Amino acid sequence: MSIRPLGDKIVIKVIEDTEQTSGGIFIPDSAKEKPQKGEVVAVGPGKTLDDGKREEMEVKTGDKVLFAKYAGTDVKIGEDIFKIMSVKDVLGVLE
């Protein structure tokens, strides 16, 4: 199954942080912060402007990005967690 985003939406595969501290202590799910990193796996065609043209997307498939803490909608496909969000919720591209 694959997801094809529409408009200015993107699909991000969430990158979970490690569940163990460097000292060997395991962190329970209830104590973890929401992940804010992910890899772009699909990009929509861009927002339609008033003149009918498409706005160019600022991210591309394969980019690793930081996004707003509560951005997007979570979708679980198989064992993987994805987020579908607007490109405007992306804070930056990790290089």
N, C-alpha and C. Protein backbone atom coordinates (compact mmCIF):
# COMPACT_ATOMS: atom_id res chain seq x y z
N MET A 1 0.84 -1.17 0.00
CA MET A 1 0.00 0.00 0.00
C MET A 1 0.89 1.24 0.00
N SER A 2 0.50 2.23 -0.78
CA SER A 2 1.25 3.48 -0.79
C SER A 2 0.27 4.65 -0.68
N ILE A 3 0.80 5.78 -0.30
CA ILE A 3 -0.01 6.99 -0.13
C ILE A 3 0.47 8.03 -1.13
N ARG A 4 -0.46 8.62 -1.86
CA ARG A 4 -0.13 9.70 -2.79
C ARG A 4 -0.74 10.99 -2.24
N PRO A 5 0.10 11.88 -1.70
CA PRO A 5 -0.42 13.12 -1.12
C PRO A 5 -0.94 14.07 -2.19
N LEU A 6 -1.89 14.89 -1.81
CA LEU A 6 -2.49 15.86 -2.72
C LEU A 6 -2.06 17.27 -2.36
N GLY A 7 -2.11 18.17 -3.31
CA GLY A 7 -1.81 19.58 -3.05
C GLY A 7 -0.44 19.79 -2.45
N ASP A 8 -0.39 20.56 -1.36
CA ASP A 8 0.89 20.88 -0.72
C ASP A 8 1.18 19.94 0.45
N LYS A 9 0.61 18.75 0.43
CA LYS A 9 0.83 17.77 1.50
C LYS A 9 2.04 16.90 1.21
N ILE A 10 2.66 16.41 2.29
CA ILE A 10 3.78 15.47 2.19
C ILE A 10 3.54 14.32 3.15
N VAL A 11 4.17 13.18 2.87
CA VAL A 11 4.11 12.02 3.75
C VAL A 11 5.50 11.82 4.32
N ILE A 12 5.57 11.71 5.65
CA ILE A 12 6.85 11.56 6.34
C ILE A 12 6.85 10.26 7.13
N LYS A 13 7.93 9.48 7.00
CA LYS A 13 8.12 8.31 7.85
C LYS A 13 8.81 8.80 9.10
N VAL A 14 8.15 8.64 10.23
CA VAL A 14 8.64 9.16 11.49
C VAL A 14 9.89 8.39 11.91
N ILE A 15 10.91 9.13 12.34
CA ILE A 15 12.14 8.53 12.87
C ILE A 15 12.05 8.61 14.39
N GLU A 16 11.90 7.45 15.02
CA GLU A 16 11.80 7.39 16.49
C GLU A 16 13.19 7.53 17.10
N ASP A 17 13.26 8.25 18.21
CA ASP A 17 14.51 8.34 18.95
C ASP A 17 14.75 7.05 19.71
N THR A 18 15.96 6.84 20.14
CA THR A 18 16.32 5.64 20.86
C THR A 18 15.50 5.51 22.15
N GLU A 19 15.20 4.28 22.54
CA GLU A 19 14.39 4.03 23.72
C GLU A 19 15.23 3.78 24.96
N GLN A 20 16.55 3.97 24.84
CA GLN A 20 17.44 3.71 25.96
C GLN A 20 18.42 4.87 26.07
N THR A 21 18.68 5.32 27.30
CA THR A 21 19.64 6.40 27.50
C THR A 21 21.05 5.86 27.35
N SER A 22 22.02 6.76 27.28
CA SER A 22 23.41 6.33 27.15
C SER A 22 23.87 5.56 28.39
N GLY A 23 23.20 5.77 29.53
CA GLY A 23 23.52 5.05 30.76
C GLY A 23 22.85 3.70 30.87
N GLY A 24 22.03 3.34 29.85
CA GLY A 24 21.40 2.04 29.84
C GLY A 24 19.99 2.00 30.41
N ILE A 25 19.43 3.15 30.73
CA ILE A 25 18.07 3.20 31.29
C ILE A 25 17.07 3.23 30.13
N PHE A 26 16.06 2.34 30.20
CA PHE A 26 15.02 2.31 29.18
C PHE A 26 13.95 3.35 29.50
N ILE A 27 13.50 4.05 28.47
CA ILE A 27 12.51 5.11 28.63
C ILE A 27 11.14 4.56 28.23
N PRO A 28 10.14 4.59 29.11
CA PRO A 28 8.81 4.10 28.76
C PRO A 28 8.13 5.04 27.76
N ASP A 29 7.18 4.49 26.97
CA ASP A 29 6.46 5.28 25.98
C ASP A 29 5.80 6.52 26.57
N SER A 30 5.29 6.41 27.78
CA SER A 30 4.59 7.53 28.41
C SER A 30 5.52 8.70 28.74
N ALA A 31 6.81 8.45 28.83
CA ALA A 31 7.77 9.50 29.18
C ALA A 31 8.48 10.09 27.97
N LYS A 32 8.26 9.51 26.79
CA LYS A 32 8.94 9.99 25.60
C LYS A 32 8.27 11.25 25.05
N GLU A 33 9.07 12.08 24.45
CA GLU A 33 8.52 13.24 23.75
C GLU A 33 8.08 12.80 22.37
N LYS A 34 7.13 13.55 21.81
CA LYS A 34 6.68 13.23 20.46
C LYS A 34 7.85 13.43 19.50
N PRO A 35 8.05 12.48 18.56
CA PRO A 35 9.14 12.64 17.61
C PRO A 35 8.90 13.84 16.70
N GLN A 36 9.98 14.49 16.31
CA GLN A 36 9.89 15.65 15.44
C GLN A 36 10.81 15.52 14.23
N LYS A 37 11.29 14.30 13.97
CA LYS A 37 12.17 14.07 12.82
C LYS A 37 11.53 13.01 11.94
N GLY A 38 11.82 13.12 10.66
CA GLY A 38 11.32 12.11 9.75
C GLY A 38 11.95 12.22 8.38
N GLU A 39 11.66 11.21 7.57
CA GLU A 39 12.14 11.19 6.19
C GLU A 39 10.96 11.32 5.26
N VAL A 40 11.06 12.23 4.30
CA VAL A 40 9.98 12.45 3.34
C VAL A 40 9.93 11.25 2.39
N VAL A 41 8.76 10.59 2.33
CA VAL A 41 8.61 9.43 1.45
C VAL A 41 7.72 9.71 0.25
N ALA A 42 6.93 10.79 0.31
CA ALA A 42 6.09 11.17 -0.83
C ALA A 42 5.78 12.66 -0.74
N VAL A 43 5.68 13.29 -1.90
CA VAL A 43 5.44 14.73 -1.99
C VAL A 43 4.30 14.97 -2.97
N GLY A 44 3.36 15.83 -2.58
CA GLY A 44 2.26 16.20 -3.46
C GLY A 44 2.76 17.11 -4.58
N PRO A 45 1.87 17.44 -5.53
CA PRO A 45 2.27 18.26 -6.67
C PRO A 45 2.47 19.74 -6.34
N GLY A 46 2.03 20.18 -5.18
CA GLY A 46 2.16 21.59 -4.80
C GLY A 46 0.81 22.28 -4.78
N LYS A 47 0.75 23.37 -4.05
CA LYS A 47 -0.49 24.13 -3.91
C LYS A 47 -0.82 24.84 -5.23
N THR A 48 -2.11 24.84 -5.59
CA THR A 48 -2.55 25.54 -6.80
C THR A 48 -2.70 27.02 -6.47
N LEU A 49 -2.01 27.85 -7.23
CA LEU A 49 -2.07 29.30 -7.02
C LEU A 49 -3.28 29.89 -7.74
N ASP A 50 -3.57 31.16 -7.47
CA ASP A 50 -4.73 31.82 -8.08
C ASP A 50 -4.68 31.85 -9.60
N ASP A 51 -3.46 31.89 -10.16
CA ASP A 51 -3.33 31.93 -11.62
C ASP A 51 -3.36 30.54 -12.26
N GLY A 52 -3.58 29.50 -11.44
CA GLY A 52 -3.69 28.14 -11.96
C GLY A 52 -2.38 27.37 -11.97
N LYS A 53 -1.27 28.05 -11.72
CA LYS A 53 0.02 27.38 -11.69
C LYS A 53 0.20 26.69 -10.33
N ARG A 54 1.18 25.78 -10.26
CA ARG A 54 1.48 25.07 -9.02
C ARG A 54 2.68 25.71 -8.34
N GLU A 55 2.59 25.86 -7.01
CA GLU A 55 3.71 26.35 -6.22
C GLU A 55 4.73 25.21 -6.10
N GLU A 56 5.99 25.52 -6.31
CA GLU A 56 7.04 24.49 -6.22
C GLU A 56 7.22 24.05 -4.78
N MET A 57 7.36 22.73 -4.58
CA MET A 57 7.54 22.19 -3.23
C MET A 57 8.99 22.42 -2.79
N GLU A 58 9.18 22.74 -1.50
CA GLU A 58 10.51 23.03 -0.98
C GLU A 58 11.26 21.80 -0.50
N VAL A 59 10.57 20.66 -0.40
CA VAL A 59 11.20 19.41 0.01
C VAL A 59 11.01 18.38 -1.09
N LYS A 60 11.84 17.34 -1.04
CA LYS A 60 11.73 16.27 -2.04
C LYS A 60 11.82 14.93 -1.33
N THR A 61 11.43 13.89 -2.01
CA THR A 61 11.51 12.55 -1.45
C THR A 61 12.94 12.24 -1.04
N GLY A 62 13.10 11.68 0.16
CA GLY A 62 14.42 11.35 0.67
C GLY A 62 14.99 12.36 1.64
N ASP A 63 14.43 13.59 1.67
CA ASP A 63 14.91 14.60 2.61
C ASP A 63 14.59 14.18 4.04
N LYS A 64 15.52 14.45 4.95
CA LYS A 64 15.27 14.25 6.38
C LYS A 64 14.91 15.63 6.93
N VAL A 65 13.76 15.71 7.61
CA VAL A 65 13.24 17.00 8.03
C VAL A 65 12.89 17.04 9.51
N LEU A 66 12.85 18.25 10.04
CA LEU A 66 12.30 18.53 11.37
C LEU A 66 10.94 19.16 11.15
N PHE A 67 9.96 18.75 11.96
CA PHE A 67 8.62 19.32 11.80
C PHE A 67 8.07 19.75 13.15
N ALA A 68 7.03 20.55 13.11
CA ALA A 68 6.40 21.06 14.33
C ALA A 68 5.91 19.91 15.20
N LYS A 69 5.96 20.09 16.51
CA LYS A 69 5.69 19.03 17.48
C LYS A 69 4.34 18.34 17.28
N TYR A 70 3.28 19.09 17.05
CA TYR A 70 1.95 18.50 16.93
C TYR A 70 1.42 18.59 15.50
N ALA A 71 2.30 18.63 14.53
CA ALA A 71 1.91 18.77 13.13
C ALA A 71 1.40 17.46 12.56
N GLY A 72 0.52 17.59 11.60
CA GLY A 72 0.11 16.45 10.79
C GLY A 72 -0.83 15.47 11.45
N THR A 73 -1.16 14.45 10.67
CA THR A 73 -2.04 13.37 11.08
C THR A 73 -1.26 12.08 11.04
N ASP A 74 -1.29 11.32 12.14
CA ASP A 74 -0.59 10.04 12.20
C ASP A 74 -1.36 8.97 11.45
N VAL A 75 -0.63 8.17 10.68
CA VAL A 75 -1.19 7.05 9.94
C VAL A 75 -0.26 5.86 10.15
N LYS A 76 -0.83 4.72 10.53
CA LYS A 76 -0.01 3.52 10.72
C LYS A 76 -0.31 2.55 9.58
N ILE A 77 0.73 2.18 8.87
CA ILE A 77 0.62 1.19 7.79
C ILE A 77 1.60 0.08 8.11
N GLY A 78 1.07 -1.10 8.40
CA GLY A 78 1.93 -2.20 8.84
C GLY A 78 2.52 -1.83 10.18
N GLU A 79 3.84 -1.92 10.29
CA GLU A 79 4.54 -1.58 11.53
C GLU A 79 5.06 -0.15 11.52
N ASP A 80 4.95 0.53 10.39
CA ASP A 80 5.53 1.87 10.25
C ASP A 80 4.50 2.95 10.57
N ILE A 81 5.00 4.03 11.18
CA ILE A 81 4.16 5.19 11.47
C ILE A 81 4.54 6.30 10.51
N PHE A 82 3.54 6.86 9.85
CA PHE A 82 3.73 7.96 8.93
C PHE A 82 2.94 9.16 9.41
N LYS A 83 3.34 10.34 8.97
CA LYS A 83 2.59 11.56 9.21
C LYS A 83 2.28 12.18 7.86
N ILE A 84 1.05 12.63 7.71
CA ILE A 84 0.68 13.40 6.53
C ILE A 84 0.49 14.82 7.00
N MET A 85 1.22 15.75 6.40
CA MET A 85 1.16 17.14 6.84
C MET A 85 1.38 18.09 5.68
N SER A 86 1.07 19.33 5.93
CA SER A 86 1.33 20.38 4.96
C SER A 86 2.81 20.70 4.97
N VAL A 87 3.35 21.06 3.85
CA VAL A 87 4.77 21.39 3.77
C VAL A 87 5.10 22.59 4.65
N LYS A 88 4.13 23.44 4.96
CA LYS A 88 4.38 24.61 5.81
C LYS A 88 4.67 24.23 7.26
N ASP A 89 4.35 22.97 7.65
CA ASP A 89 4.65 22.50 9.00
C ASP A 89 6.08 22.01 9.15
N VAL A 90 6.82 21.94 8.05
CA VAL A 90 8.23 21.54 8.11
C VAL A 90 9.05 22.73 8.54
N LEU A 91 9.85 22.53 9.58
CA LEU A 91 10.66 23.62 10.12
C LEU A 91 12.00 23.76 9.40
N GLY A 92 12.53 22.63 8.91
CA GLY A 92 13.80 22.68 8.21
C GLY A 92 14.21 21.32 7.71
N VAL A 93 15.18 21.31 6.81
CA VAL A 93 15.73 20.09 6.24
C VAL A 93 17.08 19.82 6.92
N LEU A 94 17.26 18.60 7.41
CA LEU A 94 18.53 18.21 8.03
C LEU A 94 19.55 17.88 6.95
N GLU A 95 20.74 18.44 7.07
CA GLU A 95 21.78 18.18 6.06
C GLU A 95 22.99 17.56 6.70
